[in-house]
C-alpha atoms as a PDB file:
ATOM      1  CA  GLN A   1       9.267  25.491   6.921  1.00  0.00           C
ATOM      2  CA  LEU A   2       9.043  25.134   2.995  1.00  0.00           C
ATOM      3  CA  LYS A   3      12.394  26.694   2.788  1.00  0.00           C
ATOM      4  CA  GLU A   4      13.612  23.654   5.533  1.00  0.00           C
ATOM      5  CA  GLU A   5      11.940  21.079   2.883  1.00  0.00           C
ATOM      6  CA  MET A   6      13.690  22.381   0.180  1.00  0.00           C
ATOM      7  CA  ARG A   7      17.403  22.575   1.577  1.00  0.00           C
ATOM      8  CA  LYS A   8      16.848  18.397   1.625  1.00  0.00           C
ATOM      9  CA  TYR A   9      17.109  18.823  -1.924  1.00  0.00           C
ATOM     10  CA  SER A  10      20.563  20.599  -2.597  1.00  0.00           C
ATOM     11  CA  VAL A  11      18.939  23.838  -4.087  1.00  0.00           C
ATOM     12  CA  GLN A  12      19.991  27.371  -3.828  1.00  0.00           C
ATOM     13  CA  PHE A  13      17.751  30.206  -2.790  1.00  0.00           C
ATOM     14  CA  SER A  14      17.434  33.041  -4.781  1.00  0.00           C
ATOM     15  CA  ASN A  15      16.723  36.623  -4.224  1.00  0.00           C
ATOM     16  CA  TYR A  16      15.752  37.455  -7.772  1.00  0.00           C
ATOM     17  CA  GLU A  17      14.654  41.173  -8.456  1.00  0.00           C
ATOM     18  CA  GLY A  18      14.717  41.326 -12.352  1.00  0.00           C
ATOM     19  CA  PRO A  19      11.655  41.152 -14.347  1.00  0.00           C
ATOM     20  CA  GLY A  20       8.509  39.418 -13.282  1.00  0.00           C
ATOM     21  CA  SER A  21       7.357  36.174 -14.848  1.00  0.00           C
ATOM     22  CA  PHE A  22       4.230  33.585 -14.666  1.00  0.00           C
ATOM     23  CA  SER A  23       5.600  31.940 -11.848  1.00  0.00           C
ATOM     24  CA  THR A  24       6.582  35.223  -9.823  1.00  0.00           C
ATOM     25  CA  THR A  25       2.930  36.019 -10.041  1.00  0.00           C
ATOM     26  CA  LEU A  26       1.781  33.004  -8.881  1.00  0.00           C
ATOM     27  CA  LEU A  27       4.583  33.302  -5.644  1.00  0.00           C
ATOM     28  CA  HIS A  28       2.942  36.794  -4.992  1.00  0.00           C
ATOM     29  CA  ILE A  29      -0.779  35.309  -5.138  1.00  0.00           C
ATOM     30  CA  CYS A  30       0.556  32.364  -2.739  1.00  0.00           C
ATOM     31  CA  GLN A  31       1.936  34.817  -0.589  1.00  0.00           C
ATOM     32  CA  ASP A  32      -0.876  37.154  -0.250  1.00  0.00           C
ATOM     33  CA  ARG A  33      -3.041  34.312   0.641  1.00  0.00           C
ATOM     34  CA  ARG A  34      -0.937  33.144   3.056  1.00  0.00           C
ATOM     35  CA  GLY A  35       0.283  29.793   1.027  1.00  0.00           C
ATOM     36  CA  GLN A  36       3.563  28.387  -0.019  1.00  0.00           C
ATOM     37  CA  MET A  37       5.034  27.827  -3.157  1.00  0.00           C
ATOM     38  CA  VAL A  38       8.035  27.098  -4.838  1.00  0.00           C
ATOM     39  CA  SER A  39       9.399  27.976  -8.034  1.00  0.00           C
ATOM     40  CA  ILE A  40      12.198  25.465  -9.552  1.00  0.00           C
ATOM     41  CA  THR A  41      14.649  26.400 -12.071  1.00  0.00           C
ATOM     42  CA  ALA A  42      18.361  25.142 -12.868  1.00  0.00           C
ATOM     43  CA  ARG A  43      20.757  27.137 -14.765  1.00  0.00           C
ATOM     44  CA  ALA A  44      22.156  26.302 -18.067  1.00  0.00           C
ATOM     45  CA  THR A  45      25.153  27.513 -19.518  1.00  0.00           C
ATOM     46  CA  TYR A  46      24.980  29.478 -22.844  1.00  0.00           C
ATOM     47  CA  TYR A  47      27.546  30.154 -25.570  1.00  0.00           C
ATOM     48  CA  PRO A  48      26.759  32.740 -27.397  1.00  0.00           C
ATOM     49  CA  GLU A  49      30.168  34.131 -28.413  1.00  0.00           C
ATOM     50  CA  PHE A  50      30.791  30.867 -30.001  1.00  0.00           C
ATOM     51  CA  ASN A  51      27.550  30.515 -31.940  1.00  0.00           C
ATOM     52  CA  VAL A  52      26.477  27.580 -29.823  1.00  0.00           C
ATOM     53  CA  VAL A  53      22.693  26.831 -29.598  1.00  0.00           C
ATOM     54  CA  ILE A  54      21.756  24.263 -27.040  1.00  0.00           C
ATOM     55  CA  PRO A  55      18.292  23.946 -27.643  1.00  0.00           C
ATOM     56  CA  HIS A  56      17.429  21.983 -24.112  1.00  0.00           C
ATOM     57  CA  ASN A  57      20.422  20.969 -21.737  1.00  0.00           C
ATOM     58  CA  PRO A  58      20.039  17.119 -20.788  1.00  0.00           C
ATOM     59  CA  LYS A  59      21.983  18.035 -17.597  1.00  0.00           C
ATOM     60  CA  THR A  60      19.539  20.847 -15.990  1.00  0.00           C
ATOM     61  CA  ILE A  61      16.765  18.773 -17.213  1.00  0.00           C
ATOM     62  CA  ARG A  62      17.987  16.024 -15.076  1.00  0.00           C
ATOM     63  CA  ALA A  63      18.881  18.080 -12.335  1.00  0.00           C
ATOM     64  CA  VAL A  64      15.488  19.390 -11.985  1.00  0.00           C
ATOM     65  CA  VAL A  65      13.612  16.022 -12.946  1.00  0.00           C
ATOM     66  CA  ARG A  66      15.475  14.172  -9.989  1.00  0.00           C
ATOM     67  CA  ARG A  67      14.469  16.385  -7.489  1.00  0.00           C
ATOM     68  CA  LEU A  68      11.013  16.652  -8.450  1.00  0.00           C
ATOM     69  CA  ASN A  69      10.830  12.606  -8.554  1.00  0.00           C
ATOM     70  CA  HIS A  70      11.967  12.604  -5.097  1.00  0.00           C
ATOM     71  CA  LEU A  71       9.595  15.534  -3.752  1.00  0.00           C
ATOM     72  CA  LEU A  72       6.529  14.155  -5.375  1.00  0.00           C
ATOM     73  CA  CYS A  73       7.277  10.466  -5.068  1.00  0.00           C
ATOM     74  CA  LEU A  74       7.080   9.766  -8.737  1.00  0.00           C
ATOM     75  CA  ASN A  75       9.322   7.203  -9.329  1.00  0.00           C
ATOM     76  CA  LEU A  76      10.667   8.071 -12.373  1.00  0.00           C
ATOM     77  CA  ASP A  77      13.490   5.911 -14.096  1.00  0.00           C
ATOM     78  CA  VAL A  78      16.013   8.704 -15.344  1.00  0.00           C
ATOM     79  CA  SER A  79      18.395   6.411 -17.044  1.00  0.00           C
ATOM     80  CA  ASP A  80      17.521   7.908 -20.215  1.00  0.00           C
ATOM     81  CA  LEU A  81      18.776  11.359 -18.616  1.00  0.00           C
ATOM     82  CA  ASP A  82      21.420  10.207 -17.353  1.00  0.00           C
ATOM     83  CA  LYS A  83      22.623   8.956 -20.430  1.00  0.00           C
ATOM     84  CA  GLN A  84      21.818  12.063 -22.560  1.00  0.00           C
ATOM     85  CA  ALA A  85      23.425  14.117 -20.226  1.00  0.00           C
ATOM     86  CA  GLU A  86      26.628  11.651 -20.459  1.00  0.00           C
ATOM     87  CA  GLU A  87      26.679  12.128 -24.491  1.00  0.00           C
ATOM     88  CA  PHE A  88      25.801  15.812 -23.832  1.00  0.00           C
ATOM     89  CA  GLU A  89      29.042  16.707 -21.901  1.00  0.00           C
ATOM     90  CA  ALA A  90      30.772  14.081 -24.263  1.00  0.00           C
ATOM     91  CA  LYS A  91      29.798  16.564 -27.105  1.00  0.00           C
ATOM     92  CA  LEU A  92      30.757  19.799 -25.144  1.00  0.00           C
ATOM     93  CA  SER A  93      34.893  18.040 -24.298  1.00  0.00           C
ATOM     94  CA  PHE A  94      34.480  17.388 -27.782  1.00  0.00           C
ATOM     95  CA  MET A  95      33.826  20.677 -28.732  1.00  0.00           C
ATOM     96  CA  ALA A  96      36.083  22.059 -26.330  1.00  0.00           C
ATOM     97  CA  SER A  97      39.267  19.666 -27.564  1.00  0.00           C
ATOM     98  CA  GLN A  98      38.795  21.065 -31.076  1.00  0.00           C
ATOM     99  CA  ASN A  99      38.387  25.022 -30.251  1.00  0.00           C
ATOM    100  CA  PRO A 100      41.096  26.325 -27.774  1.00  0.00           C
ATOM    101  CA  LYS A 101      39.133  29.565 -27.210  1.00  0.00           C
ATOM    102  CA  PHE A 102      36.172  27.741 -26.536  1.00  0.00           C
ATOM    103  CA  GLN A 103      37.902  25.539 -24.179  1.00  0.00           C
ATOM    104  CA  ALA A 104      39.450  28.746 -22.255  1.00  0.00           C
ATOM    105  CA  TYR A 105      36.106  30.266 -21.864  1.00  0.00           C
ATOM    106  CA  VAL A 106      34.664  26.707 -20.503  1.00  0.00           C
ATOM    107  CA  GLU A 107      37.673  26.577 -18.386  1.00  0.00           C
ATOM    108  CA  GLU A 108      36.912  30.480 -16.727  1.00  0.00           C
ATOM    109  CA  LEU A 109      32.846  29.578 -16.598  1.00  0.00           C
ATOM    110  CA  GLU A 110      33.883  26.027 -14.467  1.00  0.00           C
ATOM    111  CA  LYS A 111      36.491  27.761 -11.849  1.00  0.00           C
ATOM    112  CA  ASP A 112      33.595  30.431 -11.275  1.00  0.00           C
ATOM    113  CA  PHE A 113      31.130  27.952 -10.448  1.00  0.00           C
ATOM    114  CA  THR A 114      30.377  25.684  -7.427  1.00  0.00           C
ATOM    115  CA  GLU A 115      27.960  22.834  -8.349  1.00  0.00           C
ATOM    116  CA  VAL A 116      25.822  21.877  -5.752  1.00  0.00           C
ATOM    117  CA  LYS A 117      25.314  17.841  -5.872  1.00  0.00           C
ATOM    118  CA  TYR A 118      22.002  16.245  -5.238  1.00  0.00           C
ATOM    119  CA  GLU A 119      22.183  12.987  -3.048  1.00  0.00           C
ATOM    120  CA  GLU A 120      18.347  11.981  -2.497  1.00  0.00           C
ATOM    121  CA  PRO A 121      17.764  12.765   1.031  1.00  0.00           C
ATOM    122  CA  LEU A 122      17.203   9.917   3.563  1.00  0.00           C
ATOM    123  CA  GLU A 123      14.000   9.223   4.850  1.00  0.00           C
ATOM    124  CA  MET A 124      14.079   8.294   8.475  1.00  0.00           C
ATOM    125  CA  SER A 125      13.002   9.501  11.956  1.00  0.00           C
ATOM    126  CA  ALA A 126      15.647  10.997  14.309  1.00  0.00           C
ATOM    127  CA  ASP A 127      15.350   7.611  15.989  1.00  0.00           C
ATOM    128  CA  GLU A 128      16.481   5.339  13.240  1.00  0.00           C
ATOM    129  CA  ALA A 129      19.269   7.765  12.335  1.00  0.00           C
ATOM    130  CA  VAL A 130      20.584   7.329  16.062  1.00  0.00           C
ATOM    131  CA  ARG A 131      20.104   3.539  15.985  1.00  0.00           C
ATOM    132  CA  LEU A 132      21.997   3.311  12.444  1.00  0.00           C
ATOM    133  CA  ALA A 133      24.523   5.432  14.100  1.00  0.00           C
ATOM    134  CA  GLU A 134      25.281   3.430  16.993  1.00  0.00           C
ATOM    135  CA  GLU A 135      25.207   0.388  14.868  1.00  0.00           C
ATOM    136  CA  PHE A 136      27.952   1.825  12.452  1.00  0.00           C
ATOM    137  CA  LEU A 137      30.008   2.856  15.403  1.00  0.00           C
ATOM    138  CA  LYS A 138      29.390  -0.410  17.232  1.00  0.00           C
ATOM    139  CA  ARG A 139      31.176  -2.243  14.375  1.00  0.00           C
ATOM    140  CA  LYS A 140      33.583  -0.126  14.005  1.00  0.00           C
ATOM    141  CA  ARG A 141      34.826  -0.707  17.420  1.00  0.00           C
ATOM    142  CA  GLU A 142      34.487  -4.485  16.647  1.00  0.00           C
ATOM    143  CA  ASP A 143      36.505  -4.396  13.896  1.00  0.00           C
END
């Protein structure tokens, strides 16, 4: 049931089998105690070939915060993260425009990557969804 709940947040599930971490240990303890836990991480691009150091990636931070914001009903204003993400994207675009090899590298990464877009889930009952759909169809017929 937790997995179904998390699907609302446009997450990709992992079958990671690499080295353990603190969250891996917590997940194991939760399973032993018949509890449930989710570990949310975000993928961030790394550019070692170009000696580009990105200490924090506002796009990945925003992706996690937006999901947690809704999941935990935090009502956080993420507009600062939106602005930082736009600035970050502009800097990467500028770097790519100045270095054809870097641009080709980024384009190759983008070609092989499918972003899972996140839209906040609608919180409504099945009855409410049916009512809204019926209203929509009724308006369509009237037009």
